[in-house]
Amino acid sequence: MPCPFCNPAREDIVAANDLCYARYDIHPVSPGHLLVIPFRHVASYFDTTDEERMALARLIDDCRAKTERAHHPDGYNIGVNVGEVAGQNIMHVHIHFIPRYRGDAGEHGGGVRRVIPRKEGWRRASGSRRGVR
């Protein structure tokens, strides 16, 4: 089966540089949810080159500027799933750039620590710890 991230259609690209591009997620978590993807087919973030990582980081900054103008979010989640166990189901590395909006995840928020439901009560179990999020 062909990789859906290789050879993107020009109209799907919302931002790009020489080594990577950004497109809207077809199953967005929130308005403005983007995927930041290297043009080169590579399965794992850990297999990207230093140059690709720098290009991905620069494009994330560009995505933030574009998203601030268009959507005015209150925060962001930026993350990458590496491997099937971590939730990667397309084996071409892609970084999720997810704008967050006050109240979009209920009263307890929706940070990365809430990815594993049985671990989400870490604050209650260990007490509030300053500086640890």
N, C-alpha and C. Protein backbone atom coordinates (compact mmCIF):
# COMPACT_ATOMS: atom_id res chain seq x y z
N MET A 1 0.85 -1.18 0.00
CA MET A 1 0.00 0.00 0.00
C MET A 1 0.89 1.25 0.00
N PRO A 2 0.63 2.22 -0.88
CA PRO A 2 1.46 3.42 -0.94
C PRO A 2 1.32 4.27 0.33
N CYS A 3 2.38 4.94 0.67
CA CYS A 3 2.39 5.81 1.85
C CYS A 3 1.62 7.08 1.55
N PRO A 4 0.65 7.44 2.40
CA PRO A 4 -0.14 8.65 2.14
C PRO A 4 0.63 9.95 2.33
N PHE A 5 1.84 9.88 2.91
CA PHE A 5 2.61 11.10 3.16
C PHE A 5 3.71 11.32 2.12
N CYS A 6 3.98 10.32 1.31
CA CYS A 6 4.96 10.50 0.24
C CYS A 6 4.26 11.17 -0.94
N ASN A 7 4.96 12.03 -1.61
CA ASN A 7 4.41 12.71 -2.79
C ASN A 7 3.10 13.41 -2.52
N PRO A 8 3.08 14.37 -1.59
CA PRO A 8 1.83 15.06 -1.28
C PRO A 8 1.33 15.90 -2.45
N ALA A 9 0.03 16.01 -2.55
CA ALA A 9 -0.56 16.89 -3.57
C ALA A 9 -0.26 18.34 -3.18
N ARG A 10 0.09 19.14 -4.15
CA ARG A 10 0.45 20.54 -3.90
C ARG A 10 -0.64 21.27 -3.10
N GLU A 11 -1.90 20.97 -3.40
CA GLU A 11 -2.99 21.67 -2.71
C GLU A 11 -3.15 21.25 -1.24
N ASP A 12 -2.55 20.13 -0.85
CA ASP A 12 -2.60 19.68 0.55
C ASP A 12 -1.55 20.35 1.42
N ILE A 13 -0.52 20.91 0.82
CA ILE A 13 0.58 21.52 1.57
C ILE A 13 0.19 22.92 2.01
N VAL A 14 0.21 23.15 3.33
CA VAL A 14 -0.14 24.48 3.85
C VAL A 14 1.09 25.29 4.25
N ALA A 15 2.23 24.61 4.43
CA ALA A 15 3.50 25.26 4.72
C ALA A 15 4.60 24.25 4.37
N ALA A 16 5.77 24.77 4.01
CA ALA A 16 6.86 23.86 3.63
C ALA A 16 8.19 24.58 3.69
N ASN A 17 9.25 23.78 3.75
CA ASN A 17 10.61 24.25 3.52
C ASN A 17 11.28 23.19 2.64
N ASP A 18 12.58 23.23 2.51
CA ASP A 18 13.25 22.31 1.60
C ASP A 18 13.12 20.84 1.98
N LEU A 19 12.99 20.54 3.30
CA LEU A 19 13.03 19.15 3.74
C LEU A 19 11.72 18.59 4.29
N CYS A 20 10.76 19.45 4.55
CA CYS A 20 9.51 18.95 5.13
C CYS A 20 8.33 19.85 4.77
N TYR A 21 7.16 19.35 5.06
CA TYR A 21 5.94 20.10 4.75
C TYR A 21 4.91 19.88 5.87
N ALA A 22 3.91 20.75 5.88
CA ALA A 22 2.81 20.62 6.83
C ALA A 22 1.51 20.53 6.05
N ARG A 23 0.61 19.69 6.56
CA ARG A 23 -0.72 19.54 5.98
C ARG A 23 -1.70 19.38 7.13
N TYR A 24 -2.96 19.68 6.87
CA TYR A 24 -3.98 19.48 7.89
C TYR A 24 -4.24 17.99 8.08
N ASP A 25 -4.43 17.59 9.33
CA ASP A 25 -4.77 16.21 9.65
C ASP A 25 -6.18 15.93 9.12
N ILE A 26 -6.39 14.78 8.49
CA ILE A 26 -7.72 14.47 7.96
C ILE A 26 -8.69 14.03 9.06
N HIS A 27 -8.17 13.75 10.25
CA HIS A 27 -9.00 13.43 11.42
C HIS A 27 -8.55 14.35 12.56
N PRO A 28 -8.83 15.66 12.45
CA PRO A 28 -8.28 16.61 13.43
C PRO A 28 -8.84 16.44 14.84
N VAL A 29 -7.96 16.64 15.80
CA VAL A 29 -8.33 16.65 17.21
C VAL A 29 -8.99 17.98 17.56
N SER A 30 -8.53 19.05 16.91
CA SER A 30 -9.05 20.39 17.15
C SER A 30 -8.88 21.22 15.88
N PRO A 31 -9.55 22.37 15.80
CA PRO A 31 -9.37 23.23 14.63
C PRO A 31 -7.90 23.65 14.49
N GLY A 32 -7.36 23.47 13.29
CA GLY A 32 -5.98 23.84 13.02
C GLY A 32 -4.97 22.72 13.23
N HIS A 33 -5.42 21.50 13.54
CA HIS A 33 -4.51 20.36 13.77
C HIS A 33 -3.74 20.08 12.49
N LEU A 34 -2.42 20.21 12.57
CA LEU A 34 -1.54 19.99 11.43
C LEU A 34 -0.62 18.80 11.67
N LEU A 35 -0.13 18.24 10.59
CA LEU A 35 0.92 17.23 10.63
C LEU A 35 2.15 17.84 9.96
N VAL A 36 3.30 17.71 10.59
CA VAL A 36 4.56 18.21 10.04
C VAL A 36 5.37 16.98 9.65
N ILE A 37 5.73 16.89 8.37
CA ILE A 37 6.19 15.63 7.78
C ILE A 37 7.44 15.86 6.92
N PRO A 38 8.49 15.05 7.10
CA PRO A 38 9.61 15.17 6.16
C PRO A 38 9.21 14.65 4.79
N PHE A 39 9.74 15.27 3.74
CA PHE A 39 9.47 14.78 2.39
C PHE A 39 10.06 13.39 2.19
N ARG A 40 11.25 13.17 2.76
CA ARG A 40 11.91 11.86 2.62
C ARG A 40 11.13 10.82 3.41
N HIS A 41 10.92 9.67 2.81
CA HIS A 41 10.22 8.60 3.52
C HIS A 41 11.15 8.01 4.57
N VAL A 42 10.78 8.16 5.82
CA VAL A 42 11.52 7.62 6.95
C VAL A 42 10.49 7.29 8.03
N ALA A 43 10.60 6.10 8.60
CA ALA A 43 9.56 5.63 9.52
C ALA A 43 9.61 6.29 10.89
N SER A 44 10.78 6.44 11.45
CA SER A 44 10.92 6.88 12.84
C SER A 44 11.55 8.26 12.95
N TYR A 45 11.09 9.03 13.89
CA TYR A 45 11.72 10.31 14.19
C TYR A 45 13.21 10.10 14.46
N PHE A 46 13.56 9.00 15.10
CA PHE A 46 14.95 8.75 15.47
C PHE A 46 15.83 8.40 14.27
N ASP A 47 15.22 8.18 13.12
CA ASP A 47 15.97 7.92 11.90
C ASP A 47 16.09 9.16 11.01
N THR A 48 15.53 10.28 11.45
CA THR A 48 15.69 11.51 10.68
C THR A 48 17.10 12.05 10.87
N THR A 49 17.55 12.83 9.91
CA THR A 49 18.88 13.44 9.99
C THR A 49 18.80 14.69 10.87
N ASP A 50 19.95 15.17 11.30
CA ASP A 50 19.99 16.43 12.07
C ASP A 50 19.36 17.56 11.27
N GLU A 51 19.63 17.60 9.97
CA GLU A 51 19.08 18.64 9.11
C GLU A 51 17.56 18.55 9.05
N GLU A 52 17.04 17.32 8.95
CA GLU A 52 15.58 17.15 8.93
C GLU A 52 14.96 17.60 10.25
N ARG A 53 15.60 17.26 11.37
CA ARG A 53 15.06 17.67 12.67
C ARG A 53 15.01 19.18 12.80
N MET A 54 16.06 19.84 12.33
CA MET A 54 16.07 21.32 12.37
C MET A 54 15.00 21.89 11.46
N ALA A 55 14.81 21.29 10.28
CA ALA A 55 13.78 21.76 9.35
C ALA A 55 12.38 21.53 9.94
N LEU A 56 12.18 20.40 10.61
CA LEU A 56 10.90 20.13 11.27
C LEU A 56 10.63 21.18 12.34
N ALA A 57 11.65 21.49 13.14
CA ALA A 57 11.49 22.49 14.21
C ALA A 57 11.16 23.87 13.63
N ARG A 58 11.84 24.26 12.56
CA ARG A 58 11.55 25.56 11.94
C ARG A 58 10.13 25.58 11.38
N LEU A 59 9.70 24.47 10.80
CA LEU A 59 8.35 24.44 10.23
C LEU A 59 7.29 24.47 11.33
N ILE A 60 7.57 23.86 12.47
CA ILE A 60 6.65 23.95 13.61
C ILE A 60 6.47 25.41 14.01
N ASP A 61 7.56 26.18 14.02
CA ASP A 61 7.45 27.61 14.32
C ASP A 61 6.59 28.33 13.29
N ASP A 62 6.76 27.99 12.01
CA ASP A 62 5.94 28.58 10.96
C ASP A 62 4.47 28.22 11.14
N CYS A 63 4.22 26.97 11.53
CA CYS A 63 2.84 26.52 11.77
C CYS A 63 2.21 27.30 12.92
N ARG A 64 2.99 27.56 13.94
CA ARG A 64 2.48 28.33 15.08
C ARG A 64 2.05 29.72 14.62
N ALA A 65 2.87 30.39 13.84
CA ALA A 65 2.52 31.74 13.37
C ALA A 65 1.24 31.70 12.54
N LYS A 66 1.14 30.73 11.64
CA LYS A 66 -0.05 30.60 10.79
C LYS A 66 -1.29 30.30 11.64
N THR A 67 -1.14 29.43 12.63
CA THR A 67 -2.26 29.02 13.47
C THR A 67 -2.70 30.15 14.39
N GLU A 68 -1.75 30.91 14.91
CA GLU A 68 -2.09 32.06 15.76
C GLU A 68 -2.98 33.04 14.99
N ARG A 69 -2.63 33.30 13.74
CA ARG A 69 -3.42 34.24 12.92
C ARG A 69 -4.81 33.70 12.61
N ALA A 70 -4.89 32.41 12.32
CA ALA A 70 -6.15 31.83 11.85
C ALA A 70 -7.08 31.35 12.96
N HIS A 71 -6.52 30.86 14.07
CA HIS A 71 -7.36 30.17 15.05
C HIS A 71 -7.29 30.71 16.48
N HIS A 72 -6.25 31.45 16.82
CA HIS A 72 -6.09 32.04 18.16
C HIS A 72 -6.23 31.02 19.29
N PRO A 73 -5.45 29.94 19.27
CA PRO A 73 -5.56 28.93 20.33
C PRO A 73 -5.00 29.43 21.66
N ASP A 74 -5.31 28.70 22.71
CA ASP A 74 -4.83 29.04 24.05
C ASP A 74 -3.57 28.26 24.43
N GLY A 75 -3.22 27.23 23.66
CA GLY A 75 -2.05 26.41 23.94
C GLY A 75 -1.84 25.42 22.81
N TYR A 76 -0.86 24.55 22.98
CA TYR A 76 -0.53 23.58 21.94
C TYR A 76 -0.06 22.27 22.56
N ASN A 77 -0.30 21.18 21.86
CA ASN A 77 0.38 19.91 22.08
C ASN A 77 1.16 19.64 20.80
N ILE A 78 2.42 19.29 20.95
CA ILE A 78 3.27 18.94 19.82
C ILE A 78 3.87 17.59 20.16
N GLY A 79 3.61 16.59 19.33
CA GLY A 79 4.11 15.27 19.67
C GLY A 79 4.22 14.36 18.47
N VAL A 80 4.99 13.31 18.68
CA VAL A 80 5.22 12.32 17.63
C VAL A 80 5.06 10.93 18.24
N ASN A 81 4.37 10.08 17.54
CA ASN A 81 4.22 8.68 17.94
C ASN A 81 5.29 7.88 17.21
N VAL A 82 6.08 7.12 17.94
CA VAL A 82 7.15 6.33 17.33
C VAL A 82 6.87 4.85 17.60
N GLY A 83 6.46 4.13 16.57
CA GLY A 83 6.16 2.72 16.69
C GLY A 83 4.69 2.46 16.94
N GLU A 84 4.26 1.26 16.54
CA GLU A 84 2.84 0.89 16.67
C GLU A 84 2.35 0.95 18.11
N VAL A 85 3.16 0.50 19.07
CA VAL A 85 2.76 0.49 20.47
C VAL A 85 2.48 1.91 20.98
N ALA A 86 3.18 2.88 20.40
CA ALA A 86 2.99 4.28 20.80
C ALA A 86 1.87 4.95 20.01
N GLY A 87 1.21 4.21 19.12
CA GLY A 87 0.09 4.77 18.37
C GLY A 87 0.40 5.19 16.95
N GLN A 88 1.62 4.93 16.47
CA GLN A 88 1.93 5.28 15.08
C GLN A 88 1.29 4.26 14.16
N ASN A 89 0.39 4.73 13.29
CA ASN A 89 -0.23 3.79 12.36
C ASN A 89 0.10 4.09 10.91
N ILE A 90 0.81 5.15 10.64
CA ILE A 90 1.39 5.40 9.31
C ILE A 90 2.89 5.44 9.54
N MET A 91 3.61 4.53 8.93
CA MET A 91 5.04 4.38 9.19
C MET A 91 5.88 5.33 8.33
N HIS A 92 5.51 6.58 8.39
CA HIS A 92 6.27 7.70 7.84
C HIS A 92 6.19 8.75 8.94
N VAL A 93 7.33 9.11 9.51
CA VAL A 93 7.31 9.99 10.66
C VAL A 93 6.48 11.25 10.38
N HIS A 94 5.69 11.64 11.37
CA HIS A 94 4.91 12.86 11.29
C HIS A 94 4.70 13.40 12.70
N ILE A 95 4.82 14.70 12.82
CA ILE A 95 4.67 15.36 14.11
C ILE A 95 3.29 16.00 14.15
N HIS A 96 2.55 15.68 15.19
CA HIS A 96 1.23 16.29 15.39
C HIS A 96 1.41 17.66 16.02
N PHE A 97 0.84 18.66 15.40
CA PHE A 97 0.84 20.02 15.89
C PHE A 97 -0.63 20.34 16.19
N ILE A 98 -0.99 20.28 17.46
CA ILE A 98 -2.40 20.34 17.86
C ILE A 98 -2.68 21.60 18.67
N PRO A 99 -3.40 22.55 18.07
CA PRO A 99 -3.82 23.71 18.85
C PRO A 99 -4.81 23.29 19.93
N ARG A 100 -4.72 23.91 21.09
CA ARG A 100 -5.61 23.60 22.20
C ARG A 100 -6.39 24.85 22.58
N TYR A 101 -7.59 24.63 23.03
CA TYR A 101 -8.51 25.72 23.36
C TYR A 101 -9.04 25.50 24.77
N ARG A 102 -9.08 26.57 25.53
CA ARG A 102 -9.55 26.49 26.91
C ARG A 102 -10.86 25.71 26.99
N GLY A 103 -10.88 24.67 27.82
CA GLY A 103 -12.08 23.87 28.02
C GLY A 103 -12.26 22.72 27.03
N ASP A 104 -11.37 22.56 26.05
CA ASP A 104 -11.58 21.52 25.04
C ASP A 104 -11.39 20.10 25.56
N ALA A 105 -10.80 19.94 26.72
CA ALA A 105 -10.58 18.60 27.27
C ALA A 105 -11.22 18.43 28.64
N GLY A 106 -12.17 19.28 28.95
CA GLY A 106 -12.82 19.18 30.24
C GLY A 106 -12.00 19.84 31.34
N GLU A 107 -12.40 19.61 32.55
CA GLU A 107 -11.79 20.31 33.68
C GLU A 107 -10.37 19.86 34.01
N HIS A 108 -9.97 18.68 33.58
CA HIS A 108 -8.65 18.17 33.94
C HIS A 108 -7.59 18.39 32.88
N GLY A 109 -7.94 19.01 31.79
CA GLY A 109 -6.96 19.27 30.74
C GLY A 109 -6.68 18.03 29.92
N GLY A 110 -5.84 18.18 28.93
CA GLY A 110 -5.59 17.06 28.02
C GLY A 110 -4.14 16.92 27.63
N GLY A 111 -3.23 17.18 28.54
CA GLY A 111 -1.81 17.10 28.23
C GLY A 111 -1.34 15.70 27.90
N VAL A 112 -0.08 15.59 27.55
CA VAL A 112 0.46 14.31 27.11
C VAL A 112 0.43 13.24 28.19
N ARG A 113 0.38 13.61 29.44
CA ARG A 113 0.31 12.61 30.51
C ARG A 113 -1.04 11.90 30.54
N ARG A 114 -2.01 12.37 29.78
CA ARG A 114 -3.33 11.74 29.76
C ARG A 114 -3.45 10.72 28.63
N VAL A 115 -2.35 10.38 27.99
CA VAL A 115 -2.38 9.45 26.87
C VAL A 115 -2.74 8.04 27.35
N ILE A 116 -2.27 7.65 28.51
CA ILE A 116 -2.56 6.33 29.07
C ILE A 116 -3.59 6.54 30.17
N PRO A 117 -4.85 6.18 29.92
CA PRO A 117 -5.93 6.50 30.86
C PRO A 117 -5.67 6.10 32.31
N ARG A 118 -5.13 4.94 32.56
CA ARG A 118 -4.94 4.53 33.95
C ARG A 118 -3.82 5.31 34.65
N LYS A 119 -3.06 6.09 33.90
CA LYS A 119 -1.98 6.90 34.47
C LYS A 119 -2.39 8.36 34.63
N GLU A 120 -3.61 8.70 34.19
CA GLU A 120 -3.98 10.10 34.18
C GLU A 120 -4.16 10.70 35.56
N GLY A 121 -4.32 9.91 36.58
CA GLY A 121 -4.52 10.43 37.93
C GLY A 121 -3.23 10.68 38.68
N TRP A 122 -2.12 10.88 37.99
CA TRP A 122 -0.83 11.05 38.64
C TRP A 122 -0.81 12.19 39.63
N ARG A 123 -1.54 13.27 39.37
CA ARG A 123 -1.56 14.39 40.32
C ARG A 123 -2.25 14.00 41.62
N ARG A 124 -3.37 13.30 41.48
CA ARG A 124 -4.09 12.88 42.69
C ARG A 124 -3.28 11.86 43.49
N ALA A 125 -2.63 10.95 42.77
CA ALA A 125 -1.89 9.88 43.45
C ALA A 125 -0.62 10.39 44.12
N SER A 126 0.04 11.34 43.50
CA SER A 126 1.32 11.78 44.04
C SER A 126 1.27 13.18 44.64
N GLY A 127 0.13 13.81 44.60
CA GLY A 127 0.02 15.18 45.09
C GLY A 127 0.53 16.13 44.03
N SER A 128 0.21 17.39 44.16
CA SER A 128 0.67 18.38 43.20
C SER A 128 2.16 18.61 43.39
N ARG A 129 2.90 18.53 42.30
CA ARG A 129 4.35 18.73 42.38
C ARG A 129 4.70 19.93 41.52
N ARG A 130 5.22 20.95 42.14
CA ARG A 130 5.60 22.16 41.40
C ARG A 130 6.67 21.85 40.37
N GLY A 131 6.51 22.41 39.19
CA GLY A 131 7.52 22.26 38.16
C GLY A 131 7.48 20.95 37.40
N VAL A 132 6.59 20.03 37.77
CA VAL A 132 6.51 18.75 37.08
C VAL A 132 5.18 18.68 36.35
N ARG A 133 5.23 18.61 35.04
CA ARG A 133 3.99 18.55 34.24
C ARG A 133 4.14 17.56 33.16
